[in-house]
Amino acid sequence: MVAGMPVEVFAWTTQRVHAIESEDTAVAALRFASGAFGTIEASTALWPGWSRKIEICGEHGSVLMEDDDITRWGFRAALPEDEKIRATRESGAMGSGAAAPMAIKFEGHLRQIQDFIDGIREQRPFFIEGAEARKAVELVRAIYDSAASGKPVRL
């Protein structure tokens, strides 16, 4: 997980627009052991549907990723590799379901499966090991549990 695992989650989910098997909107408030807070907002019910965003903001720097590209990268102390990171572009590869859930591409799944195959063939660690992937599943489960119970869930 990019920012580590939170220690507590409070979440809400709802189905507002799309007649799909699950919610089309979710919001979660996260509390970390350090005292930091975070939020997760996800929806396919918004019009016109903008880029997928991940923002990580802290006292020493902040990063904004839109779809699959880093669009803002600012830190108090610059490092030599910063420019190379800022120049990386992956736009459009994954596709966005921001306004249309069926528009989500499967490129991300293909890359994960290919890494799994390559890891076995090359006898090397996977890009994301099972223990790390499990943390993401635990977080999603906590979000659903909190939304269902209307109470915070400790991790």
Protein backbone atom coordinates (compact mmCIF):
# COMPACT_ATOMS: atom_id res chain seq x y z
CA MET A 1 0.00 0.00 0.00
CA VAL A 2 1.34 3.37 -0.97
CA ALA A 3 0.78 5.11 2.37
CA GLY A 4 0.74 2.03 4.58
CA MET A 5 -2.26 0.45 6.22
CA PRO A 6 -4.65 2.63 8.16
CA VAL A 7 -5.61 1.58 11.69
CA GLU A 8 -9.25 2.62 11.31
CA VAL A 9 -11.76 3.14 8.50
CA PHE A 10 -15.21 4.76 8.38
CA ALA A 11 -17.06 4.44 5.08
CA TRP A 12 -20.28 4.95 3.18
CA THR A 13 -21.38 3.34 -0.08
CA THR A 14 -24.47 3.80 -2.21
CA GLN A 15 -25.93 3.05 -5.62
CA ARG A 16 -27.02 6.38 -7.08
CA VAL A 17 -27.08 6.18 -10.87
CA HIS A 18 -26.03 2.88 -12.44
CA ALA A 19 -28.06 -0.33 -12.21
CA ILE A 20 -25.02 -2.53 -11.55
CA GLU A 21 -24.33 -5.40 -9.15
CA SER A 22 -22.75 -3.17 -6.52
CA GLU A 23 -22.46 0.41 -5.36
CA ASP A 24 -21.53 3.13 -7.81
CA THR A 25 -20.26 5.55 -5.15
CA ALA A 26 -18.07 5.01 -2.08
CA VAL A 27 -16.31 7.32 0.37
CA ALA A 28 -13.97 6.23 3.16
CA ALA A 29 -12.17 8.19 5.87
CA LEU A 30 -8.90 6.60 7.00
CA ARG A 31 -6.90 7.12 10.19
CA PHE A 32 -3.26 6.02 10.33
CA ALA A 33 -1.18 5.05 13.37
CA SER A 34 0.93 8.19 12.86
CA GLY A 35 -2.15 10.35 13.36
CA ALA A 36 -2.39 11.18 9.65
CA PHE A 37 -5.74 11.07 7.88
CA GLY A 38 -6.63 9.97 4.38
CA THR A 39 -9.69 9.66 2.18
CA ILE A 40 -10.78 7.38 -0.61
CA GLU A 41 -13.52 8.56 -2.94
CA ALA A 42 -14.69 6.40 -5.82
CA SER A 43 -17.65 6.76 -8.15
CA THR A 44 -18.81 5.81 -11.61
CA ALA A 45 -21.93 7.94 -11.09
CA LEU A 46 -20.40 11.34 -11.86
CA TRP A 47 -20.82 13.31 -15.04
CA PRO A 48 -18.90 13.90 -17.22
CA GLY A 49 -16.45 11.61 -15.48
CA TRP A 50 -12.99 13.07 -15.02
CA SER A 51 -9.61 11.47 -14.70
CA ARG A 52 -8.93 8.97 -11.94
CA LYS A 53 -6.84 10.77 -9.31
CA ILE A 54 -4.54 9.72 -6.52
CA GLU A 55 -3.22 12.51 -4.31
CA ILE A 56 -0.65 12.00 -1.60
CA CYS A 57 0.03 15.20 0.31
CA GLY A 58 2.30 15.61 3.29
CA GLU A 59 4.50 18.01 5.19
CA HIS A 60 7.55 17.27 3.01
CA GLY A 61 5.91 17.06 -0.41
CA SER A 62 2.92 16.14 -2.52
CA VAL A 63 2.18 14.08 -5.62
CA LEU A 64 -0.86 14.08 -7.90
CA MET A 65 -1.44 11.22 -10.30
CA GLU A 66 -4.21 11.55 -12.89
CA ASP A 67 -5.19 8.35 -14.65
CA ASP A 68 -1.76 6.77 -15.02
CA ASP A 69 0.39 9.91 -15.23
CA ILE A 70 2.09 11.91 -12.49
CA THR A 71 0.88 15.45 -13.18
CA ARG A 72 2.27 17.20 -10.08
CA TRP A 73 5.37 16.32 -8.09
CA GLY A 74 6.61 18.79 -5.53
CA PHE A 75 8.94 18.22 -2.58
CA ARG A 76 10.79 20.55 -0.21
CA ALA A 77 14.05 18.78 -1.02
CA ALA A 78 14.52 17.94 -4.70
CA LEU A 79 16.32 14.72 -5.67
CA PRO A 80 18.20 13.96 -8.92
CA GLU A 81 15.63 11.30 -9.98
CA ASP A 82 12.63 13.66 -9.63
CA GLU A 83 12.67 14.80 -13.28
CA LYS A 84 12.72 11.23 -14.59
CA ILE A 85 9.73 10.37 -12.39
CA ARG A 86 7.82 13.47 -13.56
CA ALA A 87 8.46 12.55 -17.22
CA THR A 88 6.95 9.05 -16.95
CA ARG A 89 3.72 8.77 -18.95
CA GLU A 90 1.27 5.86 -19.13
CA SER A 91 -1.87 7.79 -20.10
CA GLY A 92 -4.79 5.93 -21.54
CA ALA A 93 -3.38 2.45 -20.99
CA MET A 94 -5.78 1.51 -18.19
CA GLY A 95 -8.92 3.39 -19.22
CA SER A 96 -11.28 5.15 -16.88
CA GLY A 97 -14.75 4.15 -15.74
CA ALA A 98 -15.42 7.55 -14.20
CA ALA A 99 -18.76 7.99 -15.95
CA ALA A 100 -19.19 4.59 -17.59
CA PRO A 101 -18.22 1.47 -15.64
CA MET A 102 -18.11 -0.64 -18.81
CA ALA A 103 -15.38 1.63 -20.25
CA ILE A 104 -12.77 0.33 -17.80
CA LYS A 105 -10.06 -1.44 -19.75
CA PHE A 106 -8.43 -4.69 -18.68
CA GLU A 107 -4.83 -3.58 -19.27
CA GLY A 108 -4.10 -3.47 -15.53
CA HIS A 109 -5.23 -7.06 -15.11
CA LEU A 110 -3.14 -8.12 -18.10
CA ARG A 111 -0.05 -6.51 -16.58
CA GLN A 112 -0.65 -8.24 -13.23
CA ILE A 113 -1.13 -11.63 -14.88
CA GLN A 114 1.97 -11.12 -17.04
CA ASP A 115 4.04 -10.22 -13.98
CA PHE A 116 2.78 -13.39 -12.28
CA ILE A 117 3.78 -15.52 -15.29
CA ASP A 118 7.15 -13.79 -15.65
CA GLY A 119 7.85 -14.12 -11.92
CA ILE A 120 7.28 -17.87 -12.07
CA ARG A 121 9.33 -18.30 -15.25
CA GLU A 122 12.19 -16.11 -14.02
CA GLN A 123 11.97 -17.34 -10.41
CA ARG A 124 11.86 -13.78 -9.12
CA PRO A 125 9.59 -11.96 -6.68
CA PHE A 126 6.34 -10.62 -8.09
CA PHE A 127 5.93 -6.86 -8.44
CA ILE A 128 3.27 -7.05 -5.71
CA GLU A 129 3.71 -9.98 -3.35
CA GLY A 130 0.70 -11.79 -1.93
CA ALA A 131 1.12 -10.33 1.58
CA GLU A 132 0.97 -6.78 0.18
CA ALA A 133 -1.99 -7.57 -2.06
CA ARG A 134 -3.80 -9.04 0.94
CA LYS A 135 -3.53 -5.67 2.72
CA ALA A 136 -5.48 -4.02 -0.10
CA VAL A 137 -8.15 -6.72 0.19
CA GLU A 138 -8.31 -6.19 3.97
CA LEU A 139 -8.76 -2.45 3.46
CA VAL A 140 -11.56 -2.94 0.92
CA ARG A 141 -13.23 -5.42 3.26
CA ALA A 142 -13.03 -2.91 6.12
CA ILE A 143 -14.59 -0.25 3.87
CA TYR A 144 -17.51 -2.55 3.05
CA ASP A 145 -17.89 -3.66 6.68
CA SER A 146 -17.97 -0.05 7.88
CA ALA A 147 -20.47 0.97 5.21
CA ALA A 148 -22.72 -1.97 6.13
CA SER A 149 -22.56 -1.39 9.89
CA GLY A 150 -22.45 2.42 9.92
CA LYS A 151 -19.55 2.18 12.40
CA PRO A 152 -15.78 2.58 12.21
CA VAL A 153 -13.76 -0.58 11.62
CA ARG A 154 -10.35 -1.11 13.23
CA LEU A 155 -7.66 -2.87 11.22
